[in-house]
C-alpha atoms as a PDB file:
ATOM      1  CA  MET A   1     217.671 168.606 213.193  1.00  0.00           C
ATOM      2  CA  ILE A   2     216.981 171.060 210.391  1.00  0.00           C
ATOM      3  CA  ASP A   3     215.323 174.290 211.448  1.00  0.00           C
ATOM      4  CA  LYS A   4     212.984 176.475 209.416  1.00  0.00           C
ATOM      5  CA  ALA A   5     215.688 179.018 208.549  1.00  0.00           C
ATOM      6  CA  GLN A   6     217.902 176.304 207.030  1.00  0.00           C
ATOM      7  CA  SER A   7     214.982 174.843 205.128  1.00  0.00           C
ATOM      8  CA  ASP A   8     213.974 178.271 203.845  1.00  0.00           C
ATOM      9  CA  MET A   9     217.572 178.980 202.781  1.00  0.00           C
ATOM     10  CA  ALA A  10     217.783 175.666 200.892  1.00  0.00           C
ATOM     11  CA  LYS A  11     214.491 176.417 199.148  1.00  0.00           C
ATOM     12  CA  THR A  12     215.658 179.933 198.241  1.00  0.00           C
ATOM     13  CA  LEU A  13     218.936 178.610 196.811  1.00  0.00           C
ATOM     14  CA  TRP A  14     217.044 176.040 194.757  1.00  0.00           C
ATOM     15  CA  GLU A  15     214.628 178.676 193.441  1.00  0.00           C
ATOM     16  CA  GLN A  16     217.527 180.979 192.547  1.00  0.00           C
ATOM     17  CA  SER A  17     219.339 178.165 190.748  1.00  0.00           C
ATOM     18  CA  LYS A  18     216.176 177.391 188.798  1.00  0.00           C
ATOM     19  CA  THR A  19     215.830 181.047 187.787  1.00  0.00           C
ATOM     20  CA  ALA A  20     219.506 181.201 186.766  1.00  0.00           C
ATOM     21  CA  ALA A  21     219.135 178.067 184.613  1.00  0.00           C
ATOM     22  CA  LEU A  22     216.104 179.589 182.905  1.00  0.00           C
ATOM     23  CA  GLN A  23     217.947 182.850 182.214  1.00  0.00           C
ATOM     24  CA  VAL A  24     220.957 181.031 180.760  1.00  0.00           C
ATOM     25  CA  HIS A  25     218.661 178.942 178.571  1.00  0.00           C
ATOM     26  CA  GLN A  26     216.884 182.051 177.317  1.00  0.00           C
ATOM     27  CA  ALA A  27     220.208 183.726 176.506  1.00  0.00           C
ATOM     28  CA  TRP A  28     221.338 180.668 174.554  1.00  0.00           C
ATOM     29  CA  ASP A  29     217.994 180.567 172.729  1.00  0.00           C
ATOM     30  CA  LEU A  30     218.422 184.232 171.785  1.00  0.00           C
ATOM     31  CA  VAL A  31     221.873 183.533 170.337  1.00  0.00           C
ATOM     32  CA  MET A  32     220.501 180.634 168.287  1.00  0.00           C
ATOM     33  CA  LYS A  33     217.610 182.727 166.994  1.00  0.00           C
ATOM     34  CA  SER A  34     219.922 185.577 166.020  1.00  0.00           C
ATOM     35  CA  GLN A  35     222.492 183.458 164.178  1.00  0.00           C
ATOM     36  CA  LYS A  36     221.858 185.073 160.791  1.00  0.00           C
ATOM     37  CA  ALA A  37     222.002 188.619 162.194  1.00  0.00           C
ATOM     38  CA  LEU A  38     225.205 187.862 164.101  1.00  0.00           C
ATOM     39  CA  MET A  39     226.846 186.275 161.074  1.00  0.00           C
ATOM     40  CA  ASP A  40     225.758 189.166 158.818  1.00  0.00           C
ATOM     41  CA  SER A  41     227.115 191.666 161.349  1.00  0.00           C
ATOM     42  CA  MET A  42     230.492 189.956 161.572  1.00  0.00           C
ATOM     43  CA  ARG A  43     230.670 189.600 157.799  1.00  0.00           C
ATOM     44  CA  GLY A  44     229.682 193.256 157.403  1.00  0.00           C
ATOM     45  CA  ALA A  45     232.550 194.216 159.708  1.00  0.00           C
ATOM     46  CA  GLY A  46     234.942 192.511 157.295  1.00  0.00           C
ATOM     47  CA  ALA A  47     235.402 189.117 158.929  1.00  0.00           C
ATOM     48  CA  PRO A  48     235.770 186.267 156.436  1.00  0.00           C
ATOM     49  CA  TYR A  49     232.965 183.714 156.560  1.00  0.00           C
ATOM     50  CA  ALA A  50     235.178 181.061 158.196  1.00  0.00           C
ATOM     51  CA  GLN A  51     236.226 183.454 160.950  1.00  0.00           C
ATOM     52  CA  ALA A  52     232.656 184.605 161.545  1.00  0.00           C
ATOM     53  CA  ALA A  53     231.468 180.989 161.696  1.00  0.00           C
ATOM     54  CA  ASP A  54     234.280 180.118 164.101  1.00  0.00           C
ATOM     55  CA  GLN A  55     233.370 183.022 166.381  1.00  0.00           C
ATOM     56  CA  PHE A  56     229.726 182.018 166.315  1.00  0.00           C
ATOM     57  CA  ASP A  57     230.686 178.421 167.181  1.00  0.00           C
ATOM     58  CA  LYS A  58     232.733 179.709 170.113  1.00  0.00           C
ATOM     59  CA  LEU A  59     229.758 181.752 171.288  1.00  0.00           C
ATOM     60  CA  MET A  60     227.512 178.686 171.052  1.00  0.00           C
ATOM     61  CA  ASP A  61     230.060 176.604 172.980  1.00  0.00           C
ATOM     62  CA  PHE A  62     230.209 179.263 175.683  1.00  0.00           C
ATOM     63  CA  HIS A  63     226.429 179.278 176.065  1.00  0.00           C
ATOM     64  CA  SER A  64     226.336 175.495 176.040  1.00  0.00           C
ATOM     65  CA  GLU A  65     228.831 175.335 178.907  1.00  0.00           C
ATOM     66  CA  GLN A  66     226.975 178.030 180.835  1.00  0.00           C
ATOM     67  CA  TYR A  67     223.729 176.117 180.440  1.00  0.00           C
ATOM     68  CA  LYS A  68     225.284 172.811 181.521  1.00  0.00           C
ATOM     69  CA  ALA A  69     226.793 174.472 184.592  1.00  0.00           C
ATOM     70  CA  ALA A  70     223.503 176.141 185.521  1.00  0.00           C
ATOM     71  CA  VAL A  71     221.556 172.894 185.188  1.00  0.00           C
ATOM     72  CA  ALA A  72     224.177 170.994 187.209  1.00  0.00           C
ATOM     73  CA  TYR A  73     223.965 173.612 189.952  1.00  0.00           C
ATOM     74  CA  MET A  74     220.167 173.482 189.882  1.00  0.00           C
ATOM     75  CA  ASP A  75     220.327 169.694 190.243  1.00  0.00           C
ATOM     76  CA  LYS A  76     222.729 170.037 193.173  1.00  0.00           C
ATOM     77  CA  MET A  77     220.488 172.542 194.929  1.00  0.00           C
ATOM     78  CA  SER A  78     217.475 170.338 194.281  1.00  0.00           C
ATOM     79  CA  ASP A  79     219.270 167.374 195.862  1.00  0.00           C
ATOM     80  CA  GLU A  80     220.262 169.480 198.869  1.00  0.00           C
ATOM     81  CA  TYR A  81     216.714 170.723 199.318  1.00  0.00           C
ATOM     82  CA  GLN A  82     215.338 167.191 199.069  1.00  0.00           C
ATOM     83  CA  LYS A  83     217.832 165.998 201.704  1.00  0.00           C
ATOM     84  CA  MET A  84     216.641 168.744 204.030  1.00  0.00           C
ATOM     85  CA  LEU A  85     213.002 167.831 203.484  1.00  0.00           C
ATOM     86  CA  ALA A  86     213.524 164.071 203.891  1.00  0.00           C
ATOM     87  CA  PRO A  87     213.690 164.063 207.722  1.00  0.00           C
ATOM     88  CA  LYS A  88     210.473 166.073 207.900  1.00  0.00           C
ATOM     89  CA  LYS A  89     208.587 163.416 205.926  1.00  0.00           C
ATOM     90  CA  LYS A  90     209.407 160.662 208.415  1.00  0.00           C
END
């Protein structure tokens, strides 16, 4: 039997995973919106265009992987929370 403390913990973990996914998405969105400024900054520091573009692509890949991981974790926590709630609904 699941007690209230376990249920509350599962809910808290799900809420935290949801918040983390939102924060990662916002960070990725910020990178996408600042593409021109980032490219101009790298070019201004002397990086050739190809190198600057490659670094930006690597940054985008990093944020993509972070976002995928955060969403996967959120899904996992959602599943766990649903499993804990299922016996209560019967």
